[in-house]
């Protein structure tokens, strides 16, 4: 999976969970995110990628672009299609 494919997929997950449009500067908490939404986002990402990223990744990186960059650094995330 390329970085752009990851960004597109994660953007869709955020939009589905938060119920709002998301751009690179969207702040998770500013967009109405809360702990249950964070758990849902992480669960979907982990399920789709077979990863075990902790929810802390989202809490430490609440801006969308920062969150995707942090996910991209997760060793389990495969770059294969």
N, C-alpha and C. Protein backbone atom coordinates (compact mmCIF):
# COMPACT_ATOMS: atom_id res chain seq x y z
N UNK A 1 0.86 -1.18 0.00
CA UNK A 1 0.00 0.00 0.00
C UNK A 1 0.89 1.24 0.00
N UNK A 2 0.62 2.14 -0.92
CA UNK A 2 1.40 3.37 -0.97
C UNK A 2 0.95 4.32 0.13
N UNK A 3 1.76 5.34 0.36
CA UNK A 3 1.39 6.35 1.35
C UNK A 3 0.09 7.05 0.99
N UNK A 4 -0.11 7.31 -0.30
CA UNK A 4 -1.33 7.99 -0.74
C UNK A 4 -2.55 7.08 -0.58
N UNK A 5 -2.38 5.79 -0.83
CA UNK A 5 -3.49 4.84 -0.62
C UNK A 5 -3.86 4.77 0.86
N UNK A 6 -2.85 4.76 1.71
CA UNK A 6 -3.10 4.75 3.16
C UNK A 6 -3.84 6.02 3.56
N UNK A 7 -3.39 7.16 3.08
CA UNK A 7 -4.02 8.45 3.40
C UNK A 7 -5.49 8.44 2.98
N UNK A 8 -5.77 7.96 1.78
CA UNK A 8 -7.14 7.93 1.27
C UNK A 8 -8.01 7.00 2.10
N UNK A 9 -7.50 5.83 2.42
CA UNK A 9 -8.27 4.87 3.21
C UNK A 9 -8.55 5.40 4.61
N UNK A 10 -7.53 5.94 5.25
CA UNK A 10 -7.71 6.45 6.61
C UNK A 10 -8.63 7.67 6.62
N UNK A 11 -8.55 8.50 5.60
CA UNK A 11 -9.46 9.65 5.51
C UNK A 11 -10.92 9.17 5.47
N UNK A 12 -11.17 8.12 4.70
CA UNK A 12 -12.52 7.56 4.62
C UNK A 12 -12.97 7.04 5.98
N UNK A 13 -12.08 6.38 6.70
CA UNK A 13 -12.42 5.87 8.03
C UNK A 13 -12.76 7.02 8.96
N UNK A 14 -11.93 8.05 8.99
CA UNK A 14 -12.21 9.22 9.84
C UNK A 14 -13.56 9.82 9.48
N UNK A 15 -13.81 10.01 8.20
CA UNK A 15 -15.06 10.64 7.76
C UNK A 15 -16.26 9.79 8.18
N UNK A 16 -16.16 8.48 8.03
CA UNK A 16 -17.25 7.60 8.43
C UNK A 16 -17.51 7.66 9.93
N UNK A 17 -16.44 7.63 10.71
CA UNK A 17 -16.59 7.62 12.17
C UNK A 17 -17.02 8.98 12.71
N UNK A 18 -16.42 10.05 12.18
CA UNK A 18 -16.71 11.40 12.69
C UNK A 18 -17.93 12.04 12.04
N UNK A 19 -18.33 11.53 10.88
CA UNK A 19 -19.49 12.09 10.19
C UNK A 19 -19.27 13.48 9.64
N UNK A 20 -18.04 13.77 9.23
CA UNK A 20 -17.71 15.09 8.69
C UNK A 20 -16.58 14.95 7.68
N UNK A 21 -16.42 15.97 6.83
CA UNK A 21 -15.30 15.98 5.89
C UNK A 21 -14.00 16.13 6.66
N UNK A 22 -12.95 15.54 6.13
CA UNK A 22 -11.64 15.55 6.77
C UNK A 22 -10.59 15.97 5.75
N UNK A 23 -9.76 16.94 6.14
CA UNK A 23 -8.61 17.29 5.30
C UNK A 23 -7.35 17.09 6.14
N UNK A 24 -6.20 17.38 5.57
CA UNK A 24 -4.94 17.11 6.27
C UNK A 24 -4.81 17.86 7.59
N UNK A 25 -5.45 19.01 7.71
CA UNK A 25 -5.34 19.81 8.92
C UNK A 25 -6.44 19.55 9.94
N UNK A 26 -7.35 18.63 9.65
CA UNK A 26 -8.45 18.34 10.58
C UNK A 26 -7.89 17.80 11.88
N UNK A 27 -8.33 18.40 12.97
CA UNK A 27 -7.97 17.94 14.31
C UNK A 27 -9.06 16.98 14.78
N UNK A 28 -8.67 15.80 15.20
CA UNK A 28 -9.61 14.78 15.63
C UNK A 28 -10.57 15.31 16.69
N UNK A 29 -10.04 15.96 17.71
CA UNK A 29 -10.89 16.45 18.80
C UNK A 29 -11.71 17.64 18.36
N UNK A 30 -11.13 18.51 17.55
CA UNK A 30 -11.85 19.66 17.03
C UNK A 30 -13.02 19.27 16.13
N UNK A 31 -12.91 18.09 15.51
CA UNK A 31 -13.97 17.59 14.63
C UNK A 31 -15.01 16.79 15.40
N UNK A 32 -14.92 16.82 16.72
CA UNK A 32 -15.91 16.13 17.55
C UNK A 32 -15.49 14.75 18.00
N UNK A 33 -14.22 14.40 17.77
CA UNK A 33 -13.74 13.08 18.18
C UNK A 33 -13.68 12.93 19.69
N UNK A 34 -13.89 11.73 20.15
CA UNK A 34 -13.85 11.40 21.57
C UNK A 34 -13.25 10.00 21.71
N UNK A 35 -13.14 9.51 22.92
CA UNK A 35 -12.43 8.25 23.15
C UNK A 35 -13.05 7.07 22.41
N UNK A 36 -14.38 7.00 22.36
CA UNK A 36 -15.01 5.88 21.65
C UNK A 36 -14.76 5.95 20.15
N UNK A 37 -14.77 7.16 19.60
CA UNK A 37 -14.47 7.34 18.18
C UNK A 37 -13.02 6.96 17.90
N UNK A 38 -12.12 7.31 18.80
CA UNK A 38 -10.71 6.96 18.62
C UNK A 38 -10.54 5.44 18.62
N UNK A 39 -11.20 4.78 19.54
CA UNK A 39 -11.13 3.32 19.60
C UNK A 39 -11.66 2.69 18.32
N UNK A 40 -12.74 3.25 17.79
CA UNK A 40 -13.33 2.73 16.55
C UNK A 40 -12.37 2.90 15.38
N UNK A 41 -11.78 4.09 15.25
CA UNK A 41 -10.84 4.34 14.15
C UNK A 41 -9.67 3.38 14.23
N UNK A 42 -9.08 3.24 15.39
CA UNK A 42 -7.93 2.35 15.55
C UNK A 42 -8.33 0.90 15.28
N UNK A 43 -9.51 0.50 15.74
CA UNK A 43 -9.96 -0.88 15.51
C UNK A 43 -10.12 -1.17 14.02
N UNK A 44 -10.69 -0.23 13.28
CA UNK A 44 -10.88 -0.43 11.84
C UNK A 44 -9.53 -0.48 11.13
N UNK A 45 -8.64 0.45 11.45
CA UNK A 45 -7.31 0.46 10.83
C UNK A 45 -6.59 -0.86 11.13
N UNK A 46 -6.60 -1.27 12.38
CA UNK A 46 -5.91 -2.51 12.75
C UNK A 46 -6.53 -3.73 12.07
N UNK A 47 -7.85 -3.75 12.00
CA UNK A 47 -8.53 -4.87 11.36
C UNK A 47 -8.19 -4.97 9.88
N UNK A 48 -8.19 -3.85 9.20
CA UNK A 48 -7.93 -3.85 7.76
C UNK A 48 -6.49 -4.15 7.41
N UNK A 49 -5.57 -3.86 8.33
CA UNK A 49 -4.15 -4.01 8.02
C UNK A 49 -3.45 -5.08 8.84
N UNK A 50 -4.19 -5.74 9.73
CA UNK A 50 -3.56 -6.77 10.55
C UNK A 50 -2.51 -6.19 11.47
N UNK A 51 -2.70 -4.95 11.87
CA UNK A 51 -1.74 -4.26 12.74
C UNK A 51 -2.24 -4.25 14.17
N UNK A 52 -1.42 -3.73 15.04
CA UNK A 52 -1.81 -3.58 16.44
C UNK A 52 -1.44 -2.19 16.94
N UNK A 53 -1.70 -1.19 16.12
CA UNK A 53 -1.41 0.19 16.53
C UNK A 53 -2.25 0.53 17.76
N UNK A 54 -1.63 1.12 18.77
CA UNK A 54 -2.39 1.49 19.97
C UNK A 54 -3.16 2.80 19.75
N UNK A 55 -4.21 2.98 20.52
CA UNK A 55 -5.01 4.20 20.42
C UNK A 55 -4.17 5.43 20.75
N UNK A 56 -3.09 5.24 21.49
CA UNK A 56 -2.18 6.34 21.83
C UNK A 56 -1.65 7.04 20.58
N UNK A 57 -1.51 6.30 19.48
CA UNK A 57 -1.05 6.91 18.23
C UNK A 57 -1.98 8.05 17.82
N UNK A 58 -3.27 7.84 17.98
CA UNK A 58 -4.24 8.88 17.62
C UNK A 58 -4.24 10.01 18.65
N UNK A 59 -4.19 9.67 19.92
CA UNK A 59 -4.18 10.71 20.95
C UNK A 59 -2.92 11.58 20.86
N UNK A 60 -1.80 10.98 20.49
CA UNK A 60 -0.55 11.73 20.36
C UNK A 60 -0.46 12.50 19.04
N UNK A 61 -1.28 12.12 18.07
CA UNK A 61 -1.25 12.73 16.73
C UNK A 61 -2.67 13.04 16.27
N UNK A 62 -3.35 13.99 16.92
CA UNK A 62 -4.76 14.23 16.60
C UNK A 62 -5.00 14.93 15.26
N UNK A 63 -3.97 15.57 14.70
CA UNK A 63 -4.13 16.19 13.37
C UNK A 63 -4.04 15.08 12.33
N UNK A 64 -4.98 15.06 11.37
CA UNK A 64 -5.08 13.96 10.42
C UNK A 64 -3.75 13.61 9.76
N UNK A 65 -3.07 14.60 9.18
CA UNK A 65 -1.82 14.33 8.47
C UNK A 65 -0.77 13.73 9.40
N UNK A 66 -0.72 14.18 10.64
CA UNK A 66 0.24 13.65 11.60
C UNK A 66 -0.10 12.20 11.97
N UNK A 67 -1.40 11.92 12.10
CA UNK A 67 -1.84 10.57 12.41
C UNK A 67 -1.45 9.60 11.29
N UNK A 68 -1.69 9.99 10.05
CA UNK A 68 -1.33 9.13 8.92
C UNK A 68 0.18 8.91 8.88
N UNK A 69 0.95 9.96 9.12
CA UNK A 69 2.41 9.83 9.13
C UNK A 69 2.86 8.86 10.23
N UNK A 70 2.23 8.96 11.40
CA UNK A 70 2.57 8.06 12.50
C UNK A 70 2.19 6.62 12.16
N UNK A 71 1.04 6.43 11.53
CA UNK A 71 0.65 5.09 11.11
C UNK A 71 1.64 4.53 10.10
N UNK A 72 2.06 5.38 9.20
CA UNK A 72 2.98 4.97 8.14
C UNK A 72 4.30 4.48 8.72
N UNK A 73 4.63 4.91 9.92
CA UNK A 73 5.86 4.49 10.59
C UNK A 73 5.70 3.18 11.36
N UNK A 74 4.45 2.69 11.48
CA UNK A 74 4.22 1.44 12.19
C UNK A 74 4.88 0.30 11.41
N UNK A 75 5.72 -0.49 12.05
CA UNK A 75 6.45 -1.53 11.33
C UNK A 75 5.55 -2.60 10.72
N UNK A 76 4.36 -2.81 11.29
CA UNK A 76 3.48 -3.86 10.78
C UNK A 76 2.78 -3.47 9.48
N UNK A 77 2.68 -2.16 9.22
CA UNK A 77 1.95 -1.72 8.03
C UNK A 77 2.73 -2.08 6.79
N UNK A 78 2.15 -2.93 6.02
CA UNK A 78 2.81 -3.40 4.81
C UNK A 78 2.67 -2.39 3.69
N UNK A 79 3.69 -2.24 2.90
CA UNK A 79 3.65 -1.36 1.73
C UNK A 79 3.24 -2.15 0.50
N UNK A 80 2.88 -3.40 0.70
CA UNK A 80 2.50 -4.23 -0.44
C UNK A 80 1.02 -4.08 -0.70
N UNK A 81 0.63 -4.17 -1.97
CA UNK A 81 -0.75 -4.00 -2.37
C UNK A 81 -1.60 -5.16 -2.17
